[in-house]
Each structure stands twice: as C-alpha cells, then as structure tokens.
Amino acid sequence: MTKFPALKPKHVIRVLEQVGFIFIRQKGSHRIFVKDDVGITVPVHNKDLKPGTLRSIIKASGLTDKDFINLL
C-alpha cells in the first residue's frame, strides 16, 4: 500500500481534471466530477483529505496509486 502525502482537495481536483474529469456541480462543500459514467465526489474543506477518502477517489478514478502521484 502506497503512503500518500497529505493532499489538499485542490491538488486532487487538478489531477482529476488532467485525466478528463469534468466539474458538473457543487452541493455544499462537495464538488462532483464526472467522466464517462463515473462520478466522483470531492469534499472541499479547508484541510487535508483523509487517507481513506483519498484512496477511494483514486480507486474510483481508475488510476493506480503510482500514476496518481506522478500527476501531482
């Protein structure tokens, strides 16, 4: 299992947009991104994402841990 650096939501959003996810809407502090039929919700709070949340976002995006880190 890869040890991830502490990441802010803006860094995760940047990677998602690089791989083709499009911002669709926002509800409260959660932004929803879509690519094909895959939807990913990113909580946008003023703090680092929790490791479990980050891992879930990476898994849903279809990227490997290594690919995700290389895109940062």
N, C-alpha and C. Protein backbone atom coordinates (compact mmCIF):
# COMPACT_ATOMS: atom_id res chain seq x y z
N MET A 1 0.83 -1.17 0.00
CA MET A 1 0.00 0.00 0.00
C MET A 1 0.89 1.24 0.00
N THR A 2 0.60 2.18 -0.88
CA THR A 2 1.40 3.38 -1.03
C THR A 2 1.07 4.39 0.06
N LYS A 3 2.09 5.00 0.63
CA LYS A 3 1.91 6.06 1.62
C LYS A 3 1.78 7.37 0.85
N PHE A 4 0.65 8.03 1.01
CA PHE A 4 0.39 9.26 0.28
C PHE A 4 0.81 10.48 1.10
N PRO A 5 1.25 11.52 0.41
CA PRO A 5 1.49 12.77 1.12
C PRO A 5 0.14 13.39 1.50
N ALA A 6 0.15 14.29 2.47
CA ALA A 6 -1.08 14.99 2.83
C ALA A 6 -1.46 15.89 1.66
N LEU A 7 -2.68 15.73 1.17
CA LEU A 7 -3.11 16.49 -0.01
C LEU A 7 -4.34 17.33 0.29
N LYS A 8 -4.32 18.54 -0.22
CA LYS A 8 -5.50 19.41 -0.16
C LYS A 8 -6.42 19.02 -1.32
N PRO A 9 -7.70 19.31 -1.19
CA PRO A 9 -8.64 18.99 -2.27
C PRO A 9 -8.26 19.62 -3.61
N LYS A 10 -7.67 20.82 -3.60
CA LYS A 10 -7.34 21.48 -4.87
C LYS A 10 -6.33 20.67 -5.68
N HIS A 11 -5.41 19.95 -5.01
CA HIS A 11 -4.44 19.13 -5.72
C HIS A 11 -5.11 17.91 -6.35
N VAL A 12 -6.04 17.32 -5.63
CA VAL A 12 -6.77 16.16 -6.14
C VAL A 12 -7.64 16.58 -7.32
N ILE A 13 -8.29 17.72 -7.21
CA ILE A 13 -9.14 18.22 -8.30
C ILE A 13 -8.30 18.47 -9.55
N ARG A 14 -7.11 19.02 -9.38
CA ARG A 14 -6.23 19.29 -10.52
C ARG A 14 -5.89 17.99 -11.26
N VAL A 15 -5.59 16.93 -10.52
CA VAL A 15 -5.27 15.63 -11.14
C VAL A 15 -6.50 15.08 -11.86
N LEU A 16 -7.66 15.14 -11.22
CA LEU A 16 -8.88 14.63 -11.86
C LEU A 16 -9.16 15.36 -13.17
N GLU A 17 -8.98 16.67 -13.19
CA GLU A 17 -9.20 17.43 -14.42
C GLU A 17 -8.17 17.08 -15.49
N GLN A 18 -6.94 16.78 -15.09
CA GLN A 18 -5.90 16.39 -16.05
C GLN A 18 -6.26 15.10 -16.77
N VAL A 19 -6.92 14.18 -16.07
CA VAL A 19 -7.25 12.89 -16.68
C VAL A 19 -8.65 12.89 -17.31
N GLY A 20 -9.29 14.05 -17.38
CA GLY A 20 -10.53 14.16 -18.15
C GLY A 20 -11.83 14.25 -17.37
N PHE A 21 -11.77 14.34 -16.05
CA PHE A 21 -13.00 14.51 -15.27
C PHE A 21 -13.46 15.96 -15.39
N ILE A 22 -14.76 16.14 -15.48
CA ILE A 22 -15.35 17.46 -15.67
C ILE A 22 -16.19 17.82 -14.45
N PHE A 23 -16.01 19.05 -13.97
CA PHE A 23 -16.80 19.54 -12.85
C PHE A 23 -18.24 19.72 -13.32
N ILE A 24 -19.17 19.07 -12.64
CA ILE A 24 -20.59 19.13 -13.01
C ILE A 24 -21.36 20.07 -12.10
N ARG A 25 -21.22 19.87 -10.80
CA ARG A 25 -21.98 20.70 -9.87
C ARG A 25 -21.35 20.64 -8.49
N GLN A 26 -21.88 21.49 -7.62
CA GLN A 26 -21.43 21.51 -6.24
C GLN A 26 -22.65 21.56 -5.34
N LYS A 27 -22.59 20.79 -4.28
CA LYS A 27 -23.65 20.82 -3.28
C LYS A 27 -22.98 21.01 -1.92
N GLY A 28 -23.16 22.17 -1.35
CA GLY A 28 -22.47 22.48 -0.10
C GLY A 28 -20.98 22.54 -0.34
N SER A 29 -20.24 21.76 0.41
CA SER A 29 -18.78 21.76 0.27
C SER A 29 -18.28 20.54 -0.49
N HIS A 30 -19.14 19.95 -1.30
CA HIS A 30 -18.77 18.76 -2.07
C HIS A 30 -18.91 19.05 -3.56
N ARG A 31 -17.82 18.84 -4.30
CA ARG A 31 -17.84 19.03 -5.75
C ARG A 31 -17.94 17.68 -6.43
N ILE A 32 -18.77 17.61 -7.46
CA ILE A 32 -18.99 16.37 -8.18
C ILE A 32 -18.36 16.48 -9.56
N PHE A 33 -17.52 15.49 -9.89
CA PHE A 33 -16.83 15.42 -11.17
C PHE A 33 -17.28 14.15 -11.88
N VAL A 34 -17.39 14.23 -13.22
CA VAL A 34 -17.87 13.08 -14.00
C VAL A 34 -16.98 12.88 -15.21
N LYS A 35 -16.73 11.60 -15.53
CA LYS A 35 -16.05 11.20 -16.76
C LYS A 35 -16.70 9.91 -17.20
N ASP A 36 -17.20 9.88 -18.42
CA ASP A 36 -17.98 8.75 -18.92
C ASP A 36 -19.16 8.55 -17.96
N ASP A 37 -19.29 7.41 -17.34
CA ASP A 37 -20.38 7.19 -16.38
C ASP A 37 -19.86 7.09 -14.96
N VAL A 38 -18.67 7.59 -14.71
CA VAL A 38 -18.07 7.52 -13.38
C VAL A 38 -18.19 8.89 -12.71
N GLY A 39 -18.79 8.91 -11.55
CA GLY A 39 -18.92 10.14 -10.78
C GLY A 39 -18.04 10.08 -9.54
N ILE A 40 -17.36 11.18 -9.26
CA ILE A 40 -16.50 11.25 -8.08
C ILE A 40 -16.86 12.52 -7.31
N THR A 41 -17.06 12.35 -6.01
CA THR A 41 -17.35 13.48 -5.14
C THR A 41 -16.09 13.81 -4.34
N VAL A 42 -15.71 15.09 -4.39
CA VAL A 42 -14.52 15.54 -3.65
C VAL A 42 -14.98 16.53 -2.59
N PRO A 43 -14.76 16.22 -1.31
CA PRO A 43 -15.10 17.17 -0.26
C PRO A 43 -14.09 18.32 -0.26
N VAL A 44 -14.59 19.54 -0.33
CA VAL A 44 -13.71 20.70 -0.41
C VAL A 44 -13.81 21.47 0.91
N HIS A 45 -12.99 21.04 1.85
CA HIS A 45 -12.89 21.71 3.14
C HIS A 45 -11.52 22.36 3.20
N ASN A 46 -11.30 23.17 4.17
CA ASN A 46 -10.01 23.87 4.26
C ASN A 46 -8.99 23.05 5.04
N LYS A 47 -8.89 21.76 4.70
CA LYS A 47 -7.93 20.89 5.37
C LYS A 47 -7.57 19.73 4.44
N ASP A 48 -6.59 18.94 4.84
CA ASP A 48 -6.16 17.80 4.04
C ASP A 48 -7.24 16.74 3.98
N LEU A 49 -7.27 16.01 2.85
CA LEU A 49 -8.20 14.89 2.73
C LEU A 49 -7.72 13.74 3.59
N LYS A 50 -8.65 13.02 4.17
CA LYS A 50 -8.30 11.85 4.97
C LYS A 50 -7.79 10.75 4.03
N PRO A 51 -6.87 9.92 4.50
CA PRO A 51 -6.29 8.87 3.64
C PRO A 51 -7.34 7.94 3.01
N GLY A 52 -8.36 7.57 3.75
CA GLY A 52 -9.39 6.69 3.20
C GLY A 52 -10.19 7.35 2.10
N THR A 53 -10.48 8.63 2.27
CA THR A 53 -11.20 9.39 1.25
C THR A 53 -10.35 9.52 -0.01
N LEU A 54 -9.09 9.83 0.16
CA LEU A 54 -8.17 9.96 -0.97
C LEU A 54 -8.05 8.64 -1.72
N ARG A 55 -7.89 7.56 -1.00
CA ARG A 55 -7.77 6.23 -1.63
C ARG A 55 -9.04 5.89 -2.41
N SER A 56 -10.20 6.24 -1.87
CA SER A 56 -11.47 5.99 -2.53
C SER A 56 -11.58 6.79 -3.83
N ILE A 57 -11.15 8.03 -3.81
CA ILE A 57 -11.18 8.88 -5.00
C ILE A 57 -10.26 8.31 -6.08
N ILE A 58 -9.07 7.88 -5.69
CA ILE A 58 -8.12 7.31 -6.65
C ILE A 58 -8.67 6.03 -7.26
N LYS A 59 -9.24 5.18 -6.44
CA LYS A 59 -9.81 3.92 -6.93
C LYS A 59 -10.95 4.19 -7.92
N ALA A 60 -11.82 5.13 -7.59
CA ALA A 60 -12.96 5.45 -8.47
C ALA A 60 -12.49 6.06 -9.79
N SER A 61 -11.36 6.77 -9.77
CA SER A 61 -10.87 7.41 -10.98
C SER A 61 -10.27 6.42 -11.97
N GLY A 62 -9.93 5.22 -11.49
CA GLY A 62 -9.35 4.21 -12.36
C GLY A 62 -7.84 4.32 -12.49
N LEU A 63 -7.23 5.23 -11.75
CA LEU A 63 -5.78 5.39 -11.78
C LEU A 63 -5.13 4.47 -10.74
N THR A 64 -3.88 4.15 -10.98
CA THR A 64 -3.12 3.44 -9.96
C THR A 64 -2.55 4.48 -9.00
N ASP A 65 -2.13 4.04 -7.83
CA ASP A 65 -1.54 4.96 -6.86
C ASP A 65 -0.34 5.68 -7.45
N LYS A 66 0.50 4.92 -8.15
CA LYS A 66 1.72 5.47 -8.74
C LYS A 66 1.39 6.51 -9.82
N ASP A 67 0.41 6.21 -10.68
CA ASP A 67 0.01 7.16 -11.72
C ASP A 67 -0.51 8.45 -11.10
N PHE A 68 -1.31 8.31 -10.06
CA PHE A 68 -1.88 9.49 -9.40
C PHE A 68 -0.78 10.38 -8.83
N ILE A 69 0.17 9.77 -8.14
CA ILE A 69 1.27 10.54 -7.54
C ILE A 69 2.11 11.21 -8.62
N ASN A 70 2.33 10.54 -9.74
CA ASN A 70 3.11 11.13 -10.83
C ASN A 70 2.42 12.34 -11.44
N LEU A 71 1.10 12.40 -11.37
CA LEU A 71 0.36 13.53 -11.94
C LEU A 71 0.30 14.74 -11.02
N LEU A 72 0.74 14.59 -9.78
CA LEU A 72 0.68 15.72 -8.84
C LEU A 72 1.60 16.84 -9.23
